Amino acid sequence: MNNKKIECKMKEVPSTKEMNDKDILNDVLLTLKNVSNNYSIAIDEMSNKYLFKEVFKIFNETKNKAREAYELAFNNGWYSLEEAEEQKINQALTKMNKSKKELD
């Protein structure tokens, strides 16, 4: 079964040596992902509660900006998804539930 693509109509951008809107947005999204991943590690290991609280706020703001960048890329057709087959979803759910039970 072929998976159905979930995408918006692609906004065309010029193909030149210079960065275009798509390139810039992809760079911004990648940077935000990397920054938020680093914040995540930092807040996991912070011993100062005040500092944890402040950095956690910045982490959330960064995640929200990454989400906005993703939505902008998706809406411009520069990011697409594939619809998952129900069987694969059920297999993943079963696997996660099994892992959760092992942790309990």
PDB file of N, CA and C in Angstrom:
ATOM      1  N   MET A   1       0.838  -1.191   0.000  1.00  0.00           N
ATOM      2  CA  MET A   1       0.000   0.000   0.000  1.00  0.00           C
ATOM      3  C   MET A   1       0.878   1.249   0.000  1.00  0.00           C
ATOM      4  N   ASN A   2       0.623   2.151  -0.906  1.00  0.00           N
ATOM      5  CA  ASN A   2       1.360   3.405  -0.954  1.00  0.00           C
ATOM      6  C   ASN A   2       0.810   4.364   0.086  1.00  0.00           C
ATOM      7  N   ASN A   3       1.723   4.989   0.823  1.00  0.00           N
ATOM      8  CA  ASN A   3       1.293   5.955   1.820  1.00  0.00           C
ATOM      9  C   ASN A   3       0.909   7.256   1.141  1.00  0.00           C
ATOM     10  N   LYS A   4      -0.157   7.834   1.621  1.00  0.00           N
ATOM     11  CA  LYS A   4      -0.638   9.106   1.091  1.00  0.00           C
ATOM     12  C   LYS A   4       0.233  10.234   1.639  1.00  0.00           C
ATOM     13  N   LYS A   5       0.696  11.103   0.753  1.00  0.00           N
ATOM     14  CA  LYS A   5       1.477  12.263   1.180  1.00  0.00           C
ATOM     15  C   LYS A   5       0.561  13.338   1.729  1.00  0.00           C
ATOM     16  N   ILE A   6       1.000  13.939   2.802  1.00  0.00           N
ATOM     17  CA  ILE A   6       0.283  15.061   3.397  1.00  0.00           C
ATOM     18  C   ILE A   6       1.159  16.286   3.169  1.00  0.00           C
ATOM     19  N   GLU A   7       0.678  17.172   2.301  1.00  0.00           N
ATOM     20  CA  GLU A   7       1.500  18.319   1.951  1.00  0.00           C
ATOM     21  C   GLU A   7       0.644  19.463   1.427  1.00  0.00           C
ATOM     22  N   CYS A   8       1.246  20.630   1.438  1.00  0.00           N
ATOM     23  CA  CYS A   8       0.605  21.818   0.857  1.00  0.00           C
ATOM     24  C   CYS A   8       1.250  22.083  -0.499  1.00  0.00           C
ATOM     25  N   LYS A   9       0.585  22.910  -1.293  1.00  0.00           N
ATOM     26  CA  LYS A   9       1.142  23.282  -2.585  1.00  0.00           C
ATOM     27  C   LYS A   9       2.470  24.001  -2.358  1.00  0.00           C
ATOM     28  N   MET A  10       3.493  23.568  -3.112  1.00  0.00           N
ATOM     29  CA  MET A  10       4.826  24.118  -2.920  1.00  0.00           C
ATOM     30  C   MET A  10       4.952  25.519  -3.491  1.00  0.00           C
ATOM     31  N   LYS A  11       5.466  26.402  -2.663  1.00  0.00           N
ATOM     32  CA  LYS A  11       5.790  27.751  -3.108  1.00  0.00           C
ATOM     33  C   LYS A  11       7.165  27.678  -3.768  1.00  0.00           C
ATOM     34  N   GLU A  12       7.226  28.051  -5.030  1.00  0.00           N
ATOM     35  CA  GLU A  12       8.478  27.980  -5.773  1.00  0.00           C
ATOM     36  C   GLU A  12       9.446  29.068  -5.303  1.00  0.00           C
ATOM     37  N   VAL A  13      10.714  28.699  -5.244  1.00  0.00           N
ATOM     38  CA  VAL A  13      11.765  29.647  -4.883  1.00  0.00           C
ATOM     39  C   VAL A  13      12.860  29.569  -5.944  1.00  0.00           C
ATOM     40  N   PRO A  14      13.575  30.663  -6.160  1.00  0.00           N
ATOM     41  CA  PRO A  14      14.629  30.635  -7.182  1.00  0.00           C
ATOM     42  C   PRO A  14      15.769  29.697  -6.775  1.00  0.00           C
ATOM     43  N   SER A  15      16.326  29.040  -7.755  1.00  0.00           N
ATOM     44  CA  SER A  15      17.466  28.147  -7.536  1.00  0.00           C
ATOM     45  C   SER A  15      18.726  28.889  -7.962  1.00  0.00           C
ATOM     46  N   THR A  16      19.383  29.505  -6.980  1.00  0.00           N
ATOM     47  CA  THR A  16      20.597  30.284  -7.245  1.00  0.00           C
ATOM     48  C   THR A  16      21.654  29.919  -6.207  1.00  0.00           C
ATOM     49  N   LYS A  17      22.829  30.535  -6.334  1.00  0.00           N
ATOM     50  CA  LYS A  17      23.893  30.315  -5.350  1.00  0.00           C
ATOM     51  C   LYS A  17      23.512  30.892  -3.993  1.00  0.00           C
ATOM     52  N   GLU A  18      22.761  31.991  -4.021  1.00  0.00           N
ATOM     53  CA  GLU A  18      22.354  32.644  -2.789  1.00  0.00           C
ATOM     54  C   GLU A  18      21.259  31.824  -2.092  1.00  0.00           C
ATOM     55  N   MET A  19      21.199  31.974  -0.790  1.00  0.00           N
ATOM     56  CA  MET A  19      20.148  31.289  -0.044  1.00  0.00           C
ATOM     57  C   MET A  19      18.799  31.908  -0.389  1.00  0.00           C
ATOM     58  N   ASN A  20      17.804  31.064  -0.606  1.00  0.00           N
ATOM     59  CA  ASN A  20      16.451  31.548  -0.849  1.00  0.00           C
ATOM     60  C   ASN A  20      15.633  31.385   0.432  1.00  0.00           C
ATOM     61  N   ASP A  21      14.362  31.744   0.379  1.00  0.00           N
ATOM     62  CA  ASP A  21      13.512  31.673   1.565  1.00  0.00           C
ATOM     63  C   ASP A  21      13.459  30.262   2.147  1.00  0.00           C
ATOM     64  N   LYS A  22      13.372  29.268   1.283  1.00  0.00           N
ATOM     65  CA  LYS A  22      13.321  27.877   1.743  1.00  0.00           C
ATOM     66  C   LYS A  22      14.606  27.500   2.470  1.00  0.00           C
ATOM     67  N   ASP A  23      15.753  27.855   1.907  1.00  0.00           N
ATOM     68  CA  ASP A  23      17.047  27.557   2.531  1.00  0.00           C
ATOM     69  C   ASP A  23      17.169  28.221   3.903  1.00  0.00           C
ATOM     70  N   ILE A  24      16.774  29.482   3.953  1.00  0.00           N
ATOM     71  CA  ILE A  24      16.866  30.233   5.208  1.00  0.00           C
ATOM     72  C   ILE A  24      15.959  29.614   6.261  1.00  0.00           C
ATOM     73  N   LEU A  25      14.732  29.291   5.880  1.00  0.00           N
ATOM     74  CA  LEU A  25      13.798  28.710   6.838  1.00  0.00           C
ATOM     75  C   LEU A  25      14.280  27.337   7.312  1.00  0.00           C
ATOM     76  N   ASN A  26      14.816  26.534   6.399  1.00  0.00           N
ATOM     77  CA  ASN A  26      15.360  25.237   6.798  1.00  0.00           C
ATOM     78  C   ASN A  26      16.520  25.405   7.772  1.00  0.00           C
ATOM     79  N   ASP A  27      17.356  26.400   7.531  1.00  0.00           N
ATOM     80  CA  ASP A  27      18.475  26.690   8.431  1.00  0.00           C
ATOM     81  C   ASP A  27      17.975  27.129   9.802  1.00  0.00           C
ATOM     82  N   VAL A  28      16.969  27.999   9.819  1.00  0.00           N
ATOM     83  CA  VAL A  28      16.383  28.461  11.077  1.00  0.00           C
ATOM     84  C   VAL A  28      15.783  27.277  11.843  1.00  0.00           C
ATOM     85  N   LEU A  29      15.037  26.429  11.149  1.00  0.00           N
ATOM     86  CA  LEU A  29      14.403  25.286  11.803  1.00  0.00           C
ATOM     87  C   LEU A  29      15.453  24.338  12.376  1.00  0.00           C
ATOM     88  N   LEU A  30      16.486  24.040  11.621  1.00  0.00           N
ATOM     89  CA  LEU A  30      17.545  23.161  12.098  1.00  0.00           C
ATOM     90  C   LEU A  30      18.250  23.761  13.310  1.00  0.00           C
ATOM     91  N   THR A  31      18.514  25.047  13.258  1.00  0.00           N
ATOM     92  CA  THR A  31      19.166  25.731  14.384  1.00  0.00           C
ATOM     93  C   THR A  31      18.287  25.677  15.630  1.00  0.00           C
ATOM     94  N   LEU A  32      16.997  25.959  15.479  1.00  0.00           N
ATOM     95  CA  LEU A  32      16.089  25.918  16.630  1.00  0.00           C
ATOM     96  C   LEU A  32      16.000  24.513  17.225  1.00  0.00           C
ATOM     97  N   LYS A  33      15.989  23.494  16.380  1.00  0.00           N
ATOM     98  CA  LYS A  33      15.969  22.111  16.872  1.00  0.00           C
ATOM     99  C   LYS A  33      17.231  21.819  17.686  1.00  0.00           C
ATOM    100  N   ASN A  34      18.387  22.216  17.145  1.00  0.00           N
ATOM    101  CA  ASN A  34      19.644  21.965  17.845  1.00  0.00           C
ATOM    102  C   ASN A  34      19.735  22.729  19.160  1.00  0.00           C
ATOM    103  N   VAL A  35      19.329  23.983  19.143  1.00  0.00           N
ATOM    104  CA  VAL A  35      19.363  24.801  20.359  1.00  0.00           C
ATOM    105  C   VAL A  35      18.429  24.212  21.418  1.00  0.00           C
ATOM    106  N   SER A  36      17.208  23.839  21.011  1.00  0.00           N
ATOM    107  CA  SER A  36      16.270  23.304  22.004  1.00  0.00           C
ATOM    108  C   SER A  36      16.739  21.952  22.534  1.00  0.00           C
ATOM    109  N   ASN A  37      17.389  21.141  21.695  1.00  0.00           N
ATOM    110  CA  ASN A  37      17.947  19.875  22.185  1.00  0.00           C
ATOM    111  C   ASN A  37      19.030  20.132  23.230  1.00  0.00           C
ATOM    112  N   ASN A  38      19.860  21.143  22.994  1.00  0.00           N
ATOM    113  CA  ASN A  38      20.898  21.483  23.974  1.00  0.00           C
ATOM    114  C   ASN A  38      20.299  22.033  25.263  1.00  0.00           C
ATOM    115  N   TYR A  39      19.260  22.863  25.144  1.00  0.00           N
ATOM    116  CA  TYR A  39      18.566  23.333  26.349  1.00  0.00           C
ATOM    117  C   TYR A  39      17.979  22.160  27.122  1.00  0.00           C
ATOM    118  N   SER A  40      17.437  21.198  26.420  1.00  0.00           N
ATOM    119  CA  SER A  40      16.841  20.032  27.071  1.00  0.00           C
ATOM    120  C   SER A  40      17.870  19.296  27.920  1.00  0.00           C
ATOM    121  N   ILE A  41      19.037  19.091  27.372  1.00  0.00           N
ATOM    122  CA  ILE A  41      20.102  18.429  28.131  1.00  0.00           C
ATOM    123  C   ILE A  41      20.498  19.274  29.334  1.00  0.00           C
ATOM    124  N   ALA A  42      20.635  20.575  29.118  1.00  0.00           N
ATOM    125  CA  ALA A  42      21.045  21.470  30.203  1.00  0.00           C
ATOM    126  C   ALA A  42      20.027  21.477  31.343  1.00  0.00           C
ATOM    127  N   ILE A  43      18.741  21.564  31.035  1.00  0.00           N
ATOM    128  CA  ILE A  43      17.753  21.629  32.122  1.00  0.00           C
ATOM    129  C   ILE A  43      17.647  20.293  32.861  1.00  0.00           C
ATOM    130  N   ASP A  44      17.942  19.200  32.171  1.00  0.00           N
ATOM    131  CA  ASP A  44      17.941  17.898  32.863  1.00  0.00           C
ATOM    132  C   ASP A  44      19.038  17.831  33.921  1.00  0.00           C
ATOM    133  N   GLU A  45      20.100  18.560  33.711  1.00  0.00           N
ATOM    134  CA  GLU A  45      21.261  18.457  34.592  1.00  0.00           C
ATOM    135  C   GLU A  45      21.470  19.687  35.477  1.00  0.00           C
ATOM    136  N   MET A  46      20.487  20.588  35.544  1.00  0.00           N
ATOM    137  CA  MET A  46      20.634  21.796  36.335  1.00  0.00           C
ATOM    138  C   MET A  46      20.301  21.547  37.797  1.00  0.00           C
ATOM    139  N   SER A  47      21.204  21.978  38.660  1.00  0.00           N
ATOM    140  CA  SER A  47      20.962  21.786  40.086  1.00  0.00           C
ATOM    141  C   SER A  47      20.323  23.016  40.735  1.00  0.00           C
ATOM    142  N   ASN A  48      20.482  24.177  40.137  1.00  0.00           N
ATOM    143  CA  ASN A  48      19.917  25.401  40.686  1.00  0.00           C
ATOM    144  C   ASN A  48      18.469  25.539  40.216  1.00  0.00           C
ATOM    145  N   LYS A  49      17.528  25.545  41.164  1.00  0.00           N
ATOM    146  CA  LYS A  49      16.104  25.581  40.809  1.00  0.00           C
ATOM    147  C   LYS A  49      15.708  26.868  40.103  1.00  0.00           C
ATOM    148  N   TYR A  50      16.279  28.009  40.515  1.00  0.00           N
ATOM    149  CA  TYR A  50      15.952  29.286  39.870  1.00  0.00           C
ATOM    150  C   TYR A  50      16.432  29.274  38.418  1.00  0.00           C
ATOM    151  N   LEU A  51      17.671  28.850  38.228  1.00  0.00           N
ATOM    152  CA  LEU A  51      18.230  28.788  36.884  1.00  0.00           C
ATOM    153  C   LEU A  51      17.447  27.800  36.022  1.00  0.00           C
ATOM    154  N   PHE A  52      17.074  26.665  36.612  1.00  0.00           N
ATOM    155  CA  PHE A  52      16.259  25.673  35.895  1.00  0.00           C
ATOM    156  C   PHE A  52      14.973  26.313  35.389  1.00  0.00           C
ATOM    157  N   LYS A  53      14.303  27.049  36.254  1.00  0.00           N
ATOM    158  CA  LYS A  53      13.027  27.674  35.894  1.00  0.00           C
ATOM    159  C   LYS A  53      13.199  28.669  34.748  1.00  0.00           C
ATOM    160  N   GLU A  54      14.243  29.480  34.810  1.00  0.00           N
ATOM    161  CA  GLU A  54      14.480  30.483  33.771  1.00  0.00           C
ATOM    162  C   GLU A  54      14.865  29.840  32.437  1.00  0.00           C
ATOM    163  N   VAL A  55      15.737  28.864  32.476  1.00  0.00           N
ATOM    164  CA  VAL A  55      16.170  28.211  31.240  1.00  0.00           C
ATOM    165  C   VAL A  55      15.029  27.375  30.658  1.00  0.00           C
ATOM    166  N   PHE A  56      14.191  26.811  31.535  1.00  0.00           N
ATOM    167  CA  PHE A  56      13.038  26.046  31.061  1.00  0.00           C
ATOM    168  C   PHE A  56      12.075  26.946  30.283  1.00  0.00           C
ATOM    169  N   LYS A  57      11.911  28.196  30.722  1.00  0.00           N
ATOM    170  CA  LYS A  57      11.081  29.158  29.979  1.00  0.00           C
ATOM    171  C   LYS A  57      11.663  29.398  28.583  1.00  0.00           C
ATOM    172  N   ILE A  58      12.978  29.589  28.533  1.00  0.00           N
ATOM    173  CA  ILE A  58      13.639  29.816  27.247  1.00  0.00           C
ATOM    174  C   ILE A  58      13.499  28.582  26.356  1.00  0.00           C
ATOM    175  N   PHE A  59      13.622  27.395  26.949  1.00  0.00           N
ATOM    176  CA  PHE A  59      13.451  26.145  26.222  1.00  0.00           C
ATOM    177  C   PHE A  59      12.061  26.086  25.583  1.00  0.00           C
ATOM    178  N   ASN A  60      11.028  26.409  26.353  1.00  0.00           N
ATOM    179  CA  ASN A  60       9.660  26.397  25.824  1.00  0.00           C
ATOM    180  C   ASN A  60       9.479  27.418  24.704  1.00  0.00           C
ATOM    181  N   GLU A  61      10.044  28.602  24.872  1.00  0.00           N
ATOM    182  CA  GLU A  61       9.956  29.621  23.824  1.00  0.00           C
ATOM    183  C   GLU A  61      10.650  29.140  22.544  1.00  0.00           C
ATOM    184  N   THR A  62      11.789  28.484  22.713  1.00  0.00           N
ATOM    185  CA  THR A  62      12.527  27.963  21.564  1.00  0.00           C
ATOM    186  C   THR A  62      11.729  26.882  20.854  1.00  0.00           C
ATOM    187  N   LYS A  63      11.106  25.983  21.617  1.00  0.00           N
ATOM    188  CA  LYS A  63      10.274  24.932  21.033  1.00  0.00           C
ATOM    189  C   LYS A  63       9.091  25.539  20.285  1.00  0.00           C
ATOM    190  N   ASN A  64       8.484  26.569  20.839  1.00  0.00           N
ATOM    191  CA  ASN A  64       7.366  27.230  20.165  1.00  0.00           C
ATOM    192  C   ASN A  64       7.814  27.878  18.858  1.00  0.00           C
ATOM    193  N   LYS A  65       8.992  28.496  18.849  1.00  0.00           N
ATOM    194  CA  LYS A  65       9.504  29.109  17.614  1.00  0.00           C
ATOM    195  C   LYS A  65       9.832  28.028  16.583  1.00  0.00           C
ATOM    196  N   ALA A  66      10.351  26.888  17.038  1.00  0.00           N
ATOM    197  CA  ALA A  66      10.633  25.778  16.112  1.00  0.00           C
ATOM    198  C   ALA A  66       9.333  25.276  15.492  1.00  0.00           C
ATOM    199  N   ARG A  67       8.292  25.202  16.292  1.00  0.00           N
ATOM    200  CA  ARG A  67       6.992  24.763  15.784  1.00  0.00           C
ATOM    201  C   ARG A  67       6.461  25.759  14.747  1.00  0.00           C
ATOM    202  N   GLU A  68       6.604  27.057  15.022  1.00  0.00           N
ATOM    203  CA  GLU A  68       6.168  28.074  14.067  1.00  0.00           C
ATOM    204  C   GLU A  68       6.951  27.955  12.757  1.00  0.00           C
ATOM    205  N   ALA A  69       8.256  27.716  12.854  1.00  0.00           N
ATOM    206  CA  ALA A  69       9.077  27.575  11.648  1.00  0.00           C
ATOM    207  C   ALA A  69       8.650  26.337  10.866  1.00  0.00           C
ATOM    208  N   TYR A  70       8.390  25.235  11.578  1.00  0.00           N
ATOM    209  CA  TYR A  70       7.929  24.014  10.914  1.00  0.00           C
ATOM    210  C   TYR A  70       6.608  24.270  10.183  1.00  0.00           C
ATOM    211  N   GLU A  71       5.654  24.908  10.864  1.00  0.00           N
ATOM    212  CA  GLU A  71       4.354  25.183  10.254  1.00  0.00           C
ATOM    213  C   GLU A  71       4.495  26.066   9.020  1.00  0.00           C
ATOM    214  N   LEU A  72       5.387  27.044   9.077  1.00  0.00           N
ATOM    215  CA  LEU A  72       5.621  27.911   7.924  1.00  0.00           C
ATOM    216  C   LEU A  72       6.196  27.101   6.759  1.00  0.00           C
ATOM    217  N   ALA A  73       7.164  26.230   7.054  1.00  0.00           N
ATOM    218  CA  ALA A  73       7.744  25.382   6.006  1.00  0.00           C
ATOM    219  C   ALA A  73       6.690  24.435   5.436  1.00  0.00           C
ATOM    220  N   PHE A  74       5.885  23.841   6.296  1.00  0.00           N
ATOM    221  CA  PHE A  74       4.840  22.922   5.839  1.00  0.00           C
ATOM    222  C   PHE A  74       3.824  23.660   4.969  1.00  0.00           C
ATOM    223  N   ASN A  75       3.382  24.830   5.419  1.00  0.00           N
ATOM    224  CA  ASN A  75       2.376  25.596   4.674  1.00  0.00           C
ATOM    225  C   ASN A  75       2.884  26.088   3.325  1.00  0.00           C
ATOM    226  N   ASN A  76       4.209  26.232   3.184  1.00  0.00           N
ATOM    227  CA  ASN A  76       4.796  26.625   1.905  1.00  0.00           C
ATOM    228  C   ASN A  76       5.121  25.420   1.032  1.00  0.00           C
ATOM    229  N   GLY A  77       4.811  24.221   1.528  1.00  0.00           N
ATOM    230  CA  GLY A  77       5.049  23.013   0.753  1.00  0.00           C
ATOM    231  C   GLY A  77       6.493  22.545   0.754  1.00  0.00           C
ATOM    232  N   TRP A  78       7.293  23.053   1.668  1.00  0.00           N
ATOM    233  CA  TRP A  78       8.702  22.693   1.730  1.00  0.00           C
ATOM    234  C   TRP A  78       8.956  21.548   2.701  1.00  0.00           C
ATOM    235  N   TYR A  79       7.924  21.072   3.336  1.00  0.00           N
ATOM    236  CA  TYR A  79       8.018  19.991   4.315  1.00  0.00           C
ATOM    237  C   TYR A  79       6.773  19.144   4.123  1.00  0.00           C
ATOM    238  N   SER A  80       6.931  17.868   3.909  1.00  0.00           N
ATOM    239  CA  SER A  80       5.756  17.017   3.720  1.00  0.00           C
ATOM    240  C   SER A  80       5.827  15.813   4.648  1.00  0.00           C
ATOM    241  N   LEU A  81       4.700  15.187   4.854  1.00  0.00           N
ATOM    242  CA  LEU A  81       4.575  14.019   5.718  1.00  0.00           C
ATOM    243  C   LEU A  81       3.929  12.894   4.933  1.00  0.00           C
ATOM    244  N   GLU A  82       4.045  11.696   5.452  1.00  0.00           N
ATOM    245  CA  GLU A  82       3.339  10.575   4.857  1.00  0.00           C
ATOM    246  C   GLU A  82       2.351  10.031   5.868  1.00  0.00           C
ATOM    247  N   GLU A  83       1.162   9.737   5.391  1.00  0.00           N
ATOM    248  CA  GLU A  83       0.145   9.158   6.252  1.00  0.00           C
ATOM    249  C   GLU A  83       0.579   7.737   6.613  1.00  0.00           C
ATOM    250  N   ALA A  84       0.572   7.420   7.891  1.00  0.00           N
ATOM    251  CA  ALA A  84       0.987   6.095   8.344  1.00  0.00           C
ATOM    252  C   ALA A  84      -0.152   5.095   8.187  1.00  0.00           C
ATOM    253  N   GLU A  85       0.222   3.871   7.869  1.00  0.00           N
ATOM    254  CA  GLU A  85      -0.763   2.806   7.778  1.00  0.00           C
ATOM    255  C   GLU A  85      -1.247   2.472   9.188  1.00  0.00           C
ATOM    256  N   GLU A  86      -2.533   2.145   9.311  1.00  0.00           N
ATOM    257  CA  GLU A  86      -3.106   1.847  10.617  1.00  0.00           C
ATOM    258  C   GLU A  86      -2.368   0.701  11.305  1.00  0.00           C
ATOM    259  N   GLN A  87      -1.952  -0.285  10.540  1.00  0.00           N
ATOM    260  CA  GLN A  87      -1.238  -1.426  11.106  1.00  0.00           C
ATOM    261  C   GLN A  87       0.080  -0.979  11.753  1.00  0.00           C
ATOM    262  N   LYS A  88       0.797  -0.078  11.101  1.00  0.00           N
ATOM    263  CA  LYS A  88       2.061   0.414  11.645  1.00  0.00           C
ATOM    264  C   LYS A  88       1.842   1.238  12.912  1.00  0.00           C
ATOM    265  N   ILE A  89       0.763   2.003  12.927  1.00  0.00           N
ATOM    266  CA  ILE A  89       0.431   2.786  14.120  1.00  0.00           C
ATOM    267  C   ILE A  89       0.141   1.843  15.282  1.00  0.00           C
ATOM    268  N   ASN A  90      -0.659   0.816  15.026  1.00  0.00           N
ATOM    269  CA  ASN A  90      -0.997  -0.143  16.069  1.00  0.00           C
ATOM    270  C   ASN A  90       0.232  -0.900  16.563  1.00  0.00           C
ATOM    271  N   GLN A  91       1.144  -1.246  15.661  1.00  0.00           N
ATOM    272  CA  GLN A  91       2.370  -1.931  16.061  1.00  0.00           C
ATOM    273  C   GLN A  91       3.219  -1.029  16.966  1.00  0.00           C
ATOM    274  N   ALA A  92       3.336   0.241  16.601  1.00  0.00           N
ATOM    275  CA  ALA A  92       4.113   1.178  17.405  1.00  0.00           C
ATOM    276  C   ALA A  92       3.473   1.374  18.773  1.00  0.00           C
ATOM    277  N   LEU A  93       2.154   1.456  18.823  1.00  0.00           N
ATOM    278  CA  LEU A  93       1.438   1.619  20.085  1.00  0.00           C
ATOM    279  C   LEU A  93       1.638   0.400  20.978  1.00  0.00           C
ATOM    280  N   THR A  94       1.544  -0.781  20.401  1.00  0.00           N
ATOM    281  CA  THR A  94       1.751  -2.016  21.163  1.00  0.00           C
ATOM    282  C   THR A  94       3.170  -2.055  21.740  1.00  0.00           C
ATOM    283  N   LYS A  95       4.139  -1.693  20.920  1.00  0.00           N
ATOM    284  CA  LYS A  95       5.537  -1.690  21.360  1.00  0.00           C
ATOM    285  C   LYS A  95       5.750  -0.696  22.506  1.00  0.00           C
ATOM    286  N   MET A  96       5.161   0.487  22.382  1.00  0.00           N
ATOM    287  CA  MET A  96       5.316   1.505  23.428  1.00  0.00           C
ATOM    288  C   MET A  96       4.628   1.078  24.719  1.00  0.00           C
ATOM    289  N   ASN A  97       3.440   0.473  24.601  1.00  0.00           N
ATOM    290  CA  ASN A  97       2.736  -0.008  25.795  1.00  0.00           C
ATOM    291  C   ASN A  97       3.526  -1.109  26.491  1.00  0.00           C
ATOM    292  N   LYS A  98       4.156  -1.975  25.710  1.00  0.00           N
ATOM    293  CA  LYS A  98       4.981  -3.049  26.273  1.00  0.00           C
ATOM    294  C   LYS A  98       6.169  -2.454  27.031  1.00  0.00           C
ATOM    295  N   SER A  99       6.808  -1.463  26.420  1.00  0.00           N
ATOM    296  CA  SER A  99       7.949  -0.801  27.065  1.00  0.00           C
ATOM    297  C   SER A  99       7.501  -0.104  28.346  1.00  0.00           C
ATOM    298  N   LYS A 100       6.341   0.502  28.320  1.00  0.00           N
ATOM    299  CA  LYS A 100       5.823   1.209  29.512  1.00  0.00           C
ATOM    300  C   LYS A 100       5.574   0.212  30.635  1.00  0.00           C
ATOM    301  N   LYS A 101       5.003  -0.938  30.327  1.00  0.00           N
ATOM    302  CA  LYS A 101       4.740  -1.956  31.347  1.00  0.00           C
ATOM    303  C   LYS A 101       6.035  -2.453  31.969  1.00  0.00           C
ATOM    304  N   GLU A 102       7.077  -2.555  31.154  1.00  0.00           N
ATOM    305  CA  GLU A 102       8.379  -3.001  31.669  1.00  0.00           C
ATOM    306  C   GLU A 102       8.968  -1.992  32.644  1.00  0.00           C
ATOM    307  N   LEU A 103       8.625  -0.715  32.491  1.00  0.00           N
ATOM    308  CA  LEU A 103       9.123   0.320  33.375  1.00  0.00           C
ATOM    309  C   LEU A 103       8.347   0.399  34.683  1.00  0.00           C
ATOM    310  N   ASP A 104       7.117  -0.065  34.668  1.00  0.00           N
ATOM    311  CA  ASP A 104       6.270   0.010  35.882  1.00  0.00           C
ATOM    312  C   ASP A 104       6.728  -0.940  36.952  1.00  0.00           C
TER     313      ASP A 104
END
